[in-house]
PDB file of all heavy atoms in Angstrom:
ATOM      1  N   ASP A   1      13.576   5.368   1.180  1.00  0.00           N
ATOM      2  CA  ASP A   1      12.191   4.826   0.988  1.00  0.00           C
ATOM      3  C   ASP A   1      11.242   5.955   0.687  1.00  0.00           C
ATOM      4  O   ASP A   1      10.325   5.781  -0.062  1.00  0.00           O
ATOM      5  CB  ASP A   1      11.740   4.087   2.260  1.00  0.00           C
ATOM      6  CG  ASP A   1      12.186   2.679   2.301  1.00  0.00           C
ATOM      7  OD1 ASP A   1      12.867   2.232   1.302  1.00  0.00           O
ATOM      8  OD2 ASP A   1      11.926   2.011   3.284  1.00  0.00           O
ATOM      9  N   GLU A   2      11.440   7.090   1.326  1.00  0.00           N
ATOM     10  CA  GLU A   2      10.483   8.207   1.126  1.00  0.00           C
ATOM     11  C   GLU A   2      10.466   8.692  -0.331  1.00  0.00           C
ATOM     12  O   GLU A   2       9.425   9.119  -0.785  1.00  0.00           O
ATOM     13  CB  GLU A   2      10.752   9.335   2.077  1.00  0.00           C
ATOM     14  CG  GLU A   2      10.255   9.080   3.469  1.00  0.00           C
ATOM     15  CD  GLU A   2      10.506  10.219   4.405  1.00  0.00           C
ATOM     16  OE1 GLU A   2      11.080  11.294   4.014  1.00  0.00           O
ATOM     17  OE2 GLU A   2      10.024  10.125   5.580  1.00  0.00           O
ATOM     18  N   ASN A   3      11.587   8.523  -0.990  1.00  0.00           N
ATOM     19  CA  ASN A   3      11.603   8.912  -2.398  1.00  0.00           C
ATOM     20  C   ASN A   3      10.806   8.034  -3.297  1.00  0.00           C
ATOM     21  O   ASN A   3      10.525   8.377  -4.417  1.00  0.00           O
ATOM     22  CB  ASN A   3      13.100   9.013  -2.897  1.00  0.00           C
ATOM     23  CG  ASN A   3      13.822  10.156  -2.277  1.00  0.00           C
ATOM     24  OD1 ASN A   3      13.282  11.207  -1.997  1.00  0.00           O
ATOM     25  ND2 ASN A   3      15.124   9.949  -2.087  1.00  0.00           N
ATOM     26  N   ASN A   4      10.544   6.811  -2.767  1.00  0.00           N
ATOM     27  CA  ASN A   4       9.838   5.791  -3.581  1.00  0.00           C
ATOM     28  C   ASN A   4       8.474   5.513  -2.929  1.00  0.00           C
ATOM     29  O   ASN A   4       7.894   4.401  -3.226  1.00  0.00           O
ATOM     30  CB  ASN A   4      10.620   4.552  -3.612  1.00  0.00           C
ATOM     31  CG  ASN A   4      12.027   4.732  -4.218  1.00  0.00           C
ATOM     32  OD1 ASN A   4      12.261   5.632  -4.985  1.00  0.00           O
ATOM     33  ND2 ASN A   4      12.953   3.942  -3.807  1.00  0.00           N
ATOM     34  N   THR A   5       7.936   6.437  -2.164  1.00  0.00           N
ATOM     35  CA  THR A   5       6.729   6.133  -1.393  1.00  0.00           C
ATOM     36  C   THR A   5       5.542   6.909  -2.029  1.00  0.00           C
ATOM     37  O   THR A   5       5.617   8.041  -2.400  1.00  0.00           O
ATOM     38  CB  THR A   5       6.869   6.578   0.073  1.00  0.00           C
ATOM     39  OG1 THR A   5       7.968   5.824   0.614  1.00  0.00           O
ATOM     40  CG2 THR A   5       5.617   6.315   0.853  1.00  0.00           C
ATOM     41  N   ILE A   6       4.422   6.152  -2.104  1.00  0.00           N
ATOM     42  CA  ILE A   6       3.142   6.780  -2.608  1.00  0.00           C
ATOM     43  C   ILE A   6       2.182   6.759  -1.474  1.00  0.00           C
ATOM     44  O   ILE A   6       2.276   6.031  -0.523  1.00  0.00           O
ATOM     45  CB  ILE A   6       2.645   5.947  -3.820  1.00  0.00           C
ATOM     46  CG1 ILE A   6       2.350   4.489  -3.474  1.00  0.00           C
ATOM     47  CG2 ILE A   6       3.552   6.050  -5.001  1.00  0.00           C
ATOM     48  CD1 ILE A   6       1.705   3.656  -4.575  1.00  0.00           C
ATOM     49  N   ARG A   7       1.211   7.641  -1.609  1.00  0.00           N
ATOM     50  CA  ARG A   7       0.094   7.796  -0.618  1.00  0.00           C
ATOM     51  C   ARG A   7      -1.188   7.472  -1.334  1.00  0.00           C
ATOM     52  O   ARG A   7      -1.493   8.016  -2.447  1.00  0.00           O
ATOM     53  CB  ARG A   7       0.055   9.194  -0.108  1.00  0.00           C
ATOM     54  CG  ARG A   7      -1.004   9.456   0.887  1.00  0.00           C
ATOM     55  CD  ARG A   7      -0.883  10.866   1.497  1.00  0.00           C
ATOM     56  NE  ARG A   7      -1.740  11.049   2.632  1.00  0.00           N
ATOM     57  CZ  ARG A   7      -2.889  11.706   2.618  1.00  0.00           C
ATOM     58  NH1 ARG A   7      -3.323  12.215   1.483  1.00  0.00           N
ATOM     59  NH2 ARG A   7      -3.625  11.809   3.750  1.00  0.00           N
ATOM     60  N   ILE A   8      -1.938   6.564  -0.776  1.00  0.00           N
ATOM     61  CA  ILE A   8      -3.188   6.182  -1.283  1.00  0.00           C
ATOM     62  C   ILE A   8      -4.345   6.672  -0.319  1.00  0.00           C
ATOM     63  O   ILE A   8      -4.242   6.437   0.821  1.00  0.00           O
ATOM     64  CB  ILE A   8      -3.331   4.596  -1.387  1.00  0.00           C
ATOM     65  CG1 ILE A   8      -2.200   4.014  -2.212  1.00  0.00           C
ATOM     66  CG2 ILE A   8      -4.630   4.178  -2.008  1.00  0.00           C
ATOM     67  CD1 ILE A   8      -1.030   3.549  -1.351  1.00  0.00           C
ATOM     68  N   THR A   9      -5.370   7.323  -0.898  1.00  0.00           N
ATOM     69  CA  THR A   9      -6.401   7.891  -0.128  1.00  0.00           C
ATOM     70  C   THR A   9      -7.768   7.422  -0.694  1.00  0.00           C
ATOM     71  O   THR A   9      -7.846   6.893  -1.822  1.00  0.00           O
ATOM     72  CB  THR A   9      -6.374   9.407  -0.059  1.00  0.00           C
ATOM     73  OG1 THR A   9      -6.453   9.936  -1.339  1.00  0.00           O
ATOM     74  CG2 THR A   9      -5.212   9.910   0.695  1.00  0.00           C
ATOM     75  N   ASN A  10      -8.766   7.565   0.159  1.00  0.00           N
ATOM     76  CA  ASN A  10     -10.137   7.124  -0.194  1.00  0.00           C
ATOM     77  C   ASN A  10     -10.309   5.575  -0.094  1.00  0.00           C
ATOM     78  O   ASN A  10     -11.062   4.992  -0.858  1.00  0.00           O
ATOM     79  CB  ASN A  10     -10.601   7.623  -1.557  1.00  0.00           C
ATOM     80  CG  ASN A  10     -12.102   7.901  -1.603  1.00  0.00           C
ATOM     81  OD1 ASN A  10     -12.704   8.129  -0.538  1.00  0.00           O
ATOM     82  ND2 ASN A  10     -12.734   7.801  -2.769  1.00  0.00           N
ATOM     83  N   LEU A  11      -9.600   4.997   0.816  1.00  0.00           N
ATOM     84  CA  LEU A  11      -9.708   3.544   1.029  1.00  0.00           C
ATOM     85  C   LEU A  11     -10.882   3.261   1.945  1.00  0.00           C
ATOM     86  O   LEU A  11     -11.154   4.041   2.864  1.00  0.00           O
ATOM     87  CB  LEU A  11      -8.486   2.999   1.714  1.00  0.00           C
ATOM     88  CG  LEU A  11      -7.208   2.968   0.896  1.00  0.00           C
ATOM     89  CD1 LEU A  11      -5.929   2.761   1.777  1.00  0.00           C
ATOM     90  CD2 LEU A  11      -7.242   1.880  -0.126  1.00  0.00           C
ATOM     91  N   PRO A  12     -11.637   2.157   1.687  1.00  0.00           N
ATOM     92  CA  PRO A  12     -12.693   1.809   2.578  1.00  0.00           C
ATOM     93  C   PRO A  12     -12.229   1.446   3.950  1.00  0.00           C
ATOM     94  O   PRO A  12     -11.097   0.980   4.155  1.00  0.00           O
ATOM     95  CB  PRO A  12     -13.354   0.650   1.946  1.00  0.00           C
ATOM     96  CG  PRO A  12     -12.569   0.279   0.741  1.00  0.00           C
ATOM     97  CD  PRO A  12     -11.452   1.211   0.593  1.00  0.00           C
ATOM     98  N   GLU A  13     -13.087   1.571   4.993  1.00  0.00           N
ATOM     99  CA  GLU A  13     -12.644   1.359   6.393  1.00  0.00           C
ATOM    100  C   GLU A  13     -12.341  -0.089   6.706  1.00  0.00           C
ATOM    101  O   GLU A  13     -11.575  -0.432   7.549  1.00  0.00           O
ATOM    102  CB  GLU A  13     -13.633   1.898   7.390  1.00  0.00           C
ATOM    103  CG  GLU A  13     -14.927   1.235   7.408  1.00  0.00           C
ATOM    104  CD  GLU A  13     -15.923   1.778   8.491  1.00  0.00           C
ATOM    105  OE1 GLU A  13     -15.699   2.966   8.871  1.00  0.00           O
ATOM    106  OE2 GLU A  13     -16.766   1.064   8.965  1.00  0.00           O
ATOM    107  N   GLU A  14     -12.818  -1.047   5.857  1.00  0.00           N
ATOM    108  CA  GLU A  14     -12.523  -2.441   6.092  1.00  0.00           C
ATOM    109  C   GLU A  14     -11.213  -2.881   5.398  1.00  0.00           C
ATOM    110  O   GLU A  14     -10.815  -4.055   5.529  1.00  0.00           O
ATOM    111  CB  GLU A  14     -13.706  -3.341   5.615  1.00  0.00           C
ATOM    112  CG  GLU A  14     -13.997  -3.264   4.103  1.00  0.00           C
ATOM    113  CD  GLU A  14     -14.928  -2.155   3.707  1.00  0.00           C
ATOM    114  OE1 GLU A  14     -15.343  -1.341   4.591  1.00  0.00           O
ATOM    115  OE2 GLU A  14     -15.290  -2.063   2.511  1.00  0.00           O
ATOM    116  N   THR A  15     -10.447  -1.988   4.756  1.00  0.00           N
ATOM    117  CA  THR A  15      -9.220  -2.325   4.165  1.00  0.00           C
ATOM    118  C   THR A  15      -8.223  -2.855   5.155  1.00  0.00           C
ATOM    119  O   THR A  15      -8.054  -2.363   6.233  1.00  0.00           O
ATOM    120  CB  THR A  15      -8.639  -1.081   3.450  1.00  0.00           C
ATOM    121  OG1 THR A  15      -9.590  -0.607   2.502  1.00  0.00           O
ATOM    122  CG2 THR A  15      -7.362  -1.425   2.698  1.00  0.00           C
ATOM    123  N   GLN A  16      -7.498  -3.915   4.767  1.00  0.00           N
ATOM    124  CA  GLN A  16      -6.443  -4.544   5.535  1.00  0.00           C
ATOM    125  C   GLN A  16      -5.101  -4.424   4.828  1.00  0.00           C
ATOM    126  O   GLN A  16      -5.054  -4.143   3.606  1.00  0.00           O
ATOM    127  CB  GLN A  16      -6.740  -6.037   5.768  1.00  0.00           C
ATOM    128  CG  GLN A  16      -8.022  -6.289   6.546  1.00  0.00           C
ATOM    129  CD  GLN A  16      -7.961  -5.766   7.892  1.00  0.00           C
ATOM    130  OE1 GLN A  16      -6.995  -5.937   8.669  1.00  0.00           O
ATOM    131  NE2 GLN A  16      -8.975  -5.078   8.387  1.00  0.00           N
ATOM    132  N   ASP A  17      -3.988  -4.588   5.588  1.00  0.00           N
ATOM    133  CA  ASP A  17      -2.593  -4.550   4.924  1.00  0.00           C
ATOM    134  C   ASP A  17      -2.554  -5.481   3.705  1.00  0.00           C
ATOM    135  O   ASP A  17      -1.967  -5.126   2.699  1.00  0.00           O
ATOM    136  CB  ASP A  17      -1.563  -4.959   5.960  1.00  0.00           C
ATOM    137  CG  ASP A  17      -1.349  -3.921   7.050  1.00  0.00           C
ATOM    138  OD1 ASP A  17      -2.292  -3.158   7.329  1.00  0.00           O
ATOM    139  OD2 ASP A  17      -0.240  -3.851   7.552  1.00  0.00           O
ATOM    140  N   SER A  18      -3.145  -6.705   3.831  1.00  0.00           N
ATOM    141  CA  SER A  18      -3.056  -7.686   2.748  1.00  0.00           C
ATOM    142  C   SER A  18      -3.766  -7.124   1.534  1.00  0.00           C
ATOM    143  O   SER A  18      -3.348  -7.423   0.366  1.00  0.00           O
ATOM    144  CB  SER A  18      -3.661  -9.002   3.212  1.00  0.00           C
ATOM    145  OG  SER A  18      -5.010  -8.825   3.576  1.00  0.00           O
ATOM    146  N   ASP A  19      -4.819  -6.374   1.653  1.00  0.00           N
ATOM    147  CA  ASP A  19      -5.520  -5.770   0.524  1.00  0.00           C
ATOM    148  C   ASP A  19      -4.608  -4.817  -0.236  1.00  0.00           C
ATOM    149  O   ASP A  19      -4.561  -4.800  -1.471  1.00  0.00           O
ATOM    150  CB  ASP A  19      -6.800  -5.012   0.967  1.00  0.00           C
ATOM    151  CG  ASP A  19      -7.767  -5.949   1.635  1.00  0.00           C
ATOM    152  OD1 ASP A  19      -7.957  -7.123   1.298  1.00  0.00           O
ATOM    153  OD2 ASP A  19      -8.410  -5.496   2.606  1.00  0.00           O
ATOM    154  N   ILE A  20      -3.854  -3.996   0.562  1.00  0.00           N
ATOM    155  CA  ILE A  20      -2.895  -3.049  -0.023  1.00  0.00           C
ATOM    156  C   ILE A  20      -1.873  -3.816  -0.815  1.00  0.00           C
ATOM    157  O   ILE A  20      -1.499  -3.437  -1.940  1.00  0.00           O
ATOM    158  CB  ILE A  20      -2.297  -2.120   1.068  1.00  0.00           C
ATOM    159  CG1 ILE A  20      -3.412  -1.375   1.773  1.00  0.00           C
ATOM    160  CG2 ILE A  20      -1.300  -1.195   0.463  1.00  0.00           C
ATOM    161  CD1 ILE A  20      -4.201  -0.396   0.896  1.00  0.00           C
ATOM    162  N   ARG A  21      -1.278  -4.812  -0.204  1.00  0.00           N
ATOM    163  CA  ARG A  21      -0.234  -5.645  -0.800  1.00  0.00           C
ATOM    164  C   ARG A  21      -0.712  -6.239  -2.093  1.00  0.00           C
ATOM    165  O   ARG A  21      -0.066  -6.190  -3.165  1.00  0.00           O
ATOM    166  CB  ARG A  21       0.259  -6.729   0.159  1.00  0.00           C
ATOM    167  CG  ARG A  21       1.462  -7.500  -0.495  1.00  0.00           C
ATOM    168  CD  ARG A  21       2.074  -8.383   0.584  1.00  0.00           C
ATOM    169  NE  ARG A  21       2.684  -7.651   1.651  1.00  0.00           N
ATOM    170  CZ  ARG A  21       3.787  -6.980   1.663  1.00  0.00           C
ATOM    171  NH1 ARG A  21       4.484  -6.826   0.611  1.00  0.00           N
ATOM    172  NH2 ARG A  21       4.202  -6.366   2.779  1.00  0.00           N
ATOM    173  N   ASP A  22      -1.934  -6.792  -2.045  1.00  0.00           N
ATOM    174  CA  ASP A  22      -2.519  -7.429  -3.309  1.00  0.00           C
ATOM    175  C   ASP A  22      -2.698  -6.417  -4.400  1.00  0.00           C
ATOM    176  O   ASP A  22      -2.490  -6.688  -5.526  1.00  0.00           O
ATOM    177  CB  ASP A  22      -3.874  -8.096  -2.966  1.00  0.00           C
ATOM    178  CG  ASP A  22      -3.703  -9.345  -2.183  1.00  0.00           C
ATOM    179  OD1 ASP A  22      -2.562  -9.883  -2.077  1.00  0.00           O
ATOM    180  OD2 ASP A  22      -4.721  -9.797  -1.620  1.00  0.00           O
ATOM    181  N   LEU A  23      -3.093  -5.200  -4.045  1.00  0.00           N
ATOM    182  CA  LEU A  23      -3.390  -4.100  -4.998  1.00  0.00           C
ATOM    183  C   LEU A  23      -2.089  -3.679  -5.663  1.00  0.00           C
ATOM    184  O   LEU A  23      -2.101  -3.263  -6.875  1.00  0.00           O
ATOM    185  CB  LEU A  23      -4.115  -2.944  -4.254  1.00  0.00           C
ATOM    186  CG  LEU A  23      -4.696  -1.858  -5.148  1.00  0.00           C
ATOM    187  CD1 LEU A  23      -5.720  -2.430  -6.131  1.00  0.00           C
ATOM    188  CD2 LEU A  23      -5.319  -0.813  -4.272  1.00  0.00           C
ATOM    189  N   PHE A  24      -0.963  -3.636  -4.948  1.00  0.00           N
ATOM    190  CA  PHE A  24       0.248  -2.998  -5.509  1.00  0.00           C
ATOM    191  C   PHE A  24       1.409  -4.020  -5.790  1.00  0.00           C
ATOM    192  O   PHE A  24       2.408  -3.603  -6.306  1.00  0.00           O
ATOM    193  CB  PHE A  24       0.731  -1.918  -4.580  1.00  0.00           C
ATOM    194  CG  PHE A  24      -0.155  -0.750  -4.565  1.00  0.00           C
ATOM    195  CD1 PHE A  24      -1.118  -0.563  -3.548  1.00  0.00           C
ATOM    196  CD2 PHE A  24      -0.027   0.199  -5.564  1.00  0.00           C
ATOM    197  CE1 PHE A  24      -1.980   0.522  -3.581  1.00  0.00           C
ATOM    198  CE2 PHE A  24      -0.901   1.309  -5.572  1.00  0.00           C
ATOM    199  CZ  PHE A  24      -1.818   1.468  -4.602  1.00  0.00           C
ATOM    200  N   LYS A  25       1.233  -5.269  -5.421  1.00  0.00           N
ATOM    201  CA  LYS A  25       2.398  -6.233  -5.570  1.00  0.00           C
ATOM    202  C   LYS A  25       2.866  -6.413  -7.034  1.00  0.00           C
ATOM    203  O   LYS A  25       4.029  -6.668  -7.224  1.00  0.00           O
ATOM    204  CB  LYS A  25       2.042  -7.584  -4.956  1.00  0.00           C
ATOM    205  CG  LYS A  25       0.961  -8.297  -5.668  1.00  0.00           C
ATOM    206  CD  LYS A  25       0.557  -9.652  -5.045  1.00  0.00           C
ATOM    207  CE  LYS A  25      -0.553 -10.281  -5.837  1.00  0.00           C
ATOM    208  NZ  LYS A  25      -1.025 -11.462  -5.148  1.00  0.00           N
ATOM    209  N   ASP A  26       1.959  -6.244  -7.964  1.00  0.00           N
ATOM    210  CA  ASP A  26       2.377  -6.472  -9.394  1.00  0.00           C
ATOM    211  C   ASP A  26       3.235  -5.364  -9.962  1.00  0.00           C
ATOM    212  O   ASP A  26       3.749  -5.448 -11.044  1.00  0.00           O
ATOM    213  CB  ASP A  26       1.156  -6.720 -10.269  1.00  0.00           C
ATOM    214  CG  ASP A  26       0.443  -8.004  -9.952  1.00  0.00           C
ATOM    215  OD1 ASP A  26       1.077  -8.896  -9.375  1.00  0.00           O
ATOM    216  OD2 ASP A  26      -0.752  -8.113 -10.262  1.00  0.00           O
ATOM    217  N   PHE A  27       3.370  -4.233  -9.315  1.00  0.00           N
ATOM    218  CA  PHE A  27       4.191  -3.174  -9.764  1.00  0.00           C
ATOM    219  C   PHE A  27       5.657  -3.252  -9.411  1.00  0.00           C
ATOM    220  O   PHE A  27       6.439  -2.491  -9.990  1.00  0.00           O
ATOM    221  CB  PHE A  27       3.642  -1.798  -9.236  1.00  0.00           C
ATOM    222  CG  PHE A  27       2.213  -1.515  -9.731  1.00  0.00           C
ATOM    223  CD1 PHE A  27       1.138  -1.712  -8.900  1.00  0.00           C
ATOM    224  CD2 PHE A  27       1.993  -1.158 -11.048  1.00  0.00           C
ATOM    225  CE1 PHE A  27      -0.118  -1.564  -9.377  1.00  0.00           C
ATOM    226  CE2 PHE A  27       0.712  -0.929 -11.566  1.00  0.00           C
ATOM    227  CZ  PHE A  27      -0.346  -1.101 -10.691  1.00  0.00           C
ATOM    228  N   GLY A  28       6.029  -4.121  -8.514  1.00  0.00           N
ATOM    229  CA  GLY A  28       7.430  -4.225  -8.079  1.00  0.00           C
ATOM    230  C   GLY A  28       7.547  -4.544  -6.614  1.00  0.00           C
ATOM    231  O   GLY A  28       6.547  -4.647  -5.904  1.00  0.00           O
ATOM    232  N   ARG A  29       8.761  -4.743  -6.189  1.00  0.00           N
ATOM    233  CA  ARG A  29       9.042  -5.094  -4.827  1.00  0.00           C
ATOM    234  C   ARG A  29       8.664  -4.045  -3.893  1.00  0.00           C
ATOM    235  O   ARG A  29       9.192  -2.857  -3.962  1.00  0.00           O
ATOM    236  CB  ARG A  29      10.539  -5.464  -4.669  1.00  0.00           C
ATOM    237  CG  ARG A  29      10.882  -5.995  -3.297  1.00  0.00           C
ATOM    238  CD  ARG A  29      12.213  -6.723  -3.261  1.00  0.00           C
ATOM    239  NE  ARG A  29      13.164  -6.478  -2.227  1.00  0.00           N
ATOM    240  CZ  ARG A  29      12.873  -6.150  -0.961  1.00  0.00           C
ATOM    241  NH1 ARG A  29      11.711  -5.878  -0.535  1.00  0.00           N
ATOM    242  NH2 ARG A  29      13.870  -5.994  -0.058  1.00  0.00           N
ATOM    243  N   ILE A  30       7.782  -4.384  -2.914  1.00  0.00           N
ATOM    244  CA  ILE A  30       7.360  -3.438  -1.880  1.00  0.00           C
ATOM    245  C   ILE A  30       8.260  -3.518  -0.695  1.00  0.00           C
ATOM    246  O   ILE A  30       8.507  -4.655  -0.212  1.00  0.00           O
ATOM    247  CB  ILE A  30       5.859  -3.703  -1.522  1.00  0.00           C
ATOM    248  CG1 ILE A  30       4.947  -3.512  -2.705  1.00  0.00           C
ATOM    249  CG2 ILE A  30       5.477  -2.885  -0.305  1.00  0.00           C
ATOM    250  CD1 ILE A  30       3.550  -3.938  -2.525  1.00  0.00           C
ATOM    251  N   THR A  31       8.708  -2.419  -0.177  1.00  0.00           N
ATOM    252  CA  THR A  31       9.623  -2.474   0.931  1.00  0.00           C
ATOM    253  C   THR A  31       8.896  -2.144   2.288  1.00  0.00           C
ATOM    254  O   THR A  31       9.366  -2.480   3.363  1.00  0.00           O
ATOM    255  CB  THR A  31      10.841  -1.510   0.766  1.00  0.00           C
ATOM    256  OG1 THR A  31      10.310  -0.207   0.602  1.00  0.00           O
ATOM    257  CG2 THR A  31      11.692  -1.937  -0.335  1.00  0.00           C
ATOM    258  N   ARG A  32       7.741  -1.437   2.181  1.00  0.00           N
ATOM    259  CA  ARG A  32       7.043  -1.097   3.417  1.00  0.00           C
ATOM    260  C   ARG A  32       5.613  -0.697   3.072  1.00  0.00           C
ATOM    261  O   ARG A  32       5.305  -0.046   2.016  1.00  0.00           O
ATOM    262  CB  ARG A  32       7.678   0.170   4.048  1.00  0.00           C
ATOM    263  CG  ARG A  32       7.042   0.621   5.300  1.00  0.00           C
ATOM    264  CD  ARG A  32       7.842   1.775   5.945  1.00  0.00           C
ATOM    265  NE  ARG A  32       7.820   2.945   5.145  1.00  0.00           N
ATOM    266  CZ  ARG A  32       6.991   4.010   5.395  1.00  0.00           C
ATOM    267  NH1 ARG A  32       6.234   4.005   6.396  1.00  0.00           N
ATOM    268  NH2 ARG A  32       7.050   5.090   4.606  1.00  0.00           N
ATOM    269  N   ILE A  33       4.679  -1.107   3.945  1.00  0.00           N
ATOM    270  CA  ILE A  33       3.256  -0.731   3.840  1.00  0.00           C
ATOM    271  C   ILE A  33       2.882  -0.142   5.196  1.00  0.00           C
ATOM    272  O   ILE A  33       3.102  -0.712   6.228  1.00  0.00           O
ATOM    273  CB  ILE A  33       2.336  -1.912   3.441  1.00  0.00           C
ATOM    274  CG1 ILE A  33       2.609  -2.410   2.122  1.00  0.00           C
ATOM    275  CG2 ILE A  33       0.891  -1.534   3.644  1.00  0.00           C
ATOM    276  CD1 ILE A  33       1.884  -3.688   1.719  1.00  0.00           C
ATOM    277  N   PHE A  34       2.230   0.980   5.180  1.00  0.00           N
ATOM    278  CA  PHE A  34       1.656   1.558   6.411  1.00  0.00           C
ATOM    279  C   PHE A  34       0.248   1.926   6.082  1.00  0.00           C
ATOM    280  O   PHE A  34      -0.040   2.799   5.307  1.00  0.00           O
ATOM    281  CB  PHE A  34       2.417   2.824   6.888  1.00  0.00           C
ATOM    282  CG  PHE A  34       1.745   3.499   8.005  1.00  0.00           C
ATOM    283  CD1 PHE A  34       1.827   2.965   9.268  1.00  0.00           C
ATOM    284  CD2 PHE A  34       0.913   4.570   7.786  1.00  0.00           C
ATOM    285  CE1 PHE A  34       1.161   3.558  10.378  1.00  0.00           C
ATOM    286  CE2 PHE A  34       0.254   5.199   8.880  1.00  0.00           C
ATOM    287  CZ  PHE A  34       0.335   4.674  10.124  1.00  0.00           C
ATOM    288  N   LEU A  35      -0.646   1.216   6.718  1.00  0.00           N
ATOM    289  CA  LEU A  35      -2.094   1.463   6.650  1.00  0.00           C
ATOM    290  C   LEU A  35      -2.526   2.138   7.941  1.00  0.00           C
ATOM    291  O   LEU A  35      -2.431   1.558   9.016  1.00  0.00           O
ATOM    292  CB  LEU A  35      -2.891   0.166   6.455  1.00  0.00           C
ATOM    293  CG  LEU A  35      -4.427   0.207   6.401  1.00  0.00           C
ATOM    294  CD1 LEU A  35      -4.895   1.174   5.293  1.00  0.00           C
ATOM    295  CD2 LEU A  35      -4.987  -1.142   6.305  1.00  0.00           C
ATOM    296  N   ALA A  36      -2.999   3.348   7.871  1.00  0.00           N
ATOM    297  CA  ALA A  36      -3.445   4.101   9.002  1.00  0.00           C
ATOM    298  C   ALA A  36      -4.731   3.487   9.545  1.00  0.00           C
ATOM    299  O   ALA A  36      -5.688   3.283   8.831  1.00  0.00           O
ATOM    300  CB  ALA A  36      -3.650   5.548   8.666  1.00  0.00           C
TER     301      ALA A  36
END
């Protein structure tokens, strides 16, 4: 998974996991999301 993992920065503090999924779902199958 780490070989296929991207890091997104400068996200607003109100961001939720579902927002991340919506933003990236059209690029392909997501195996894991971690929102700090």
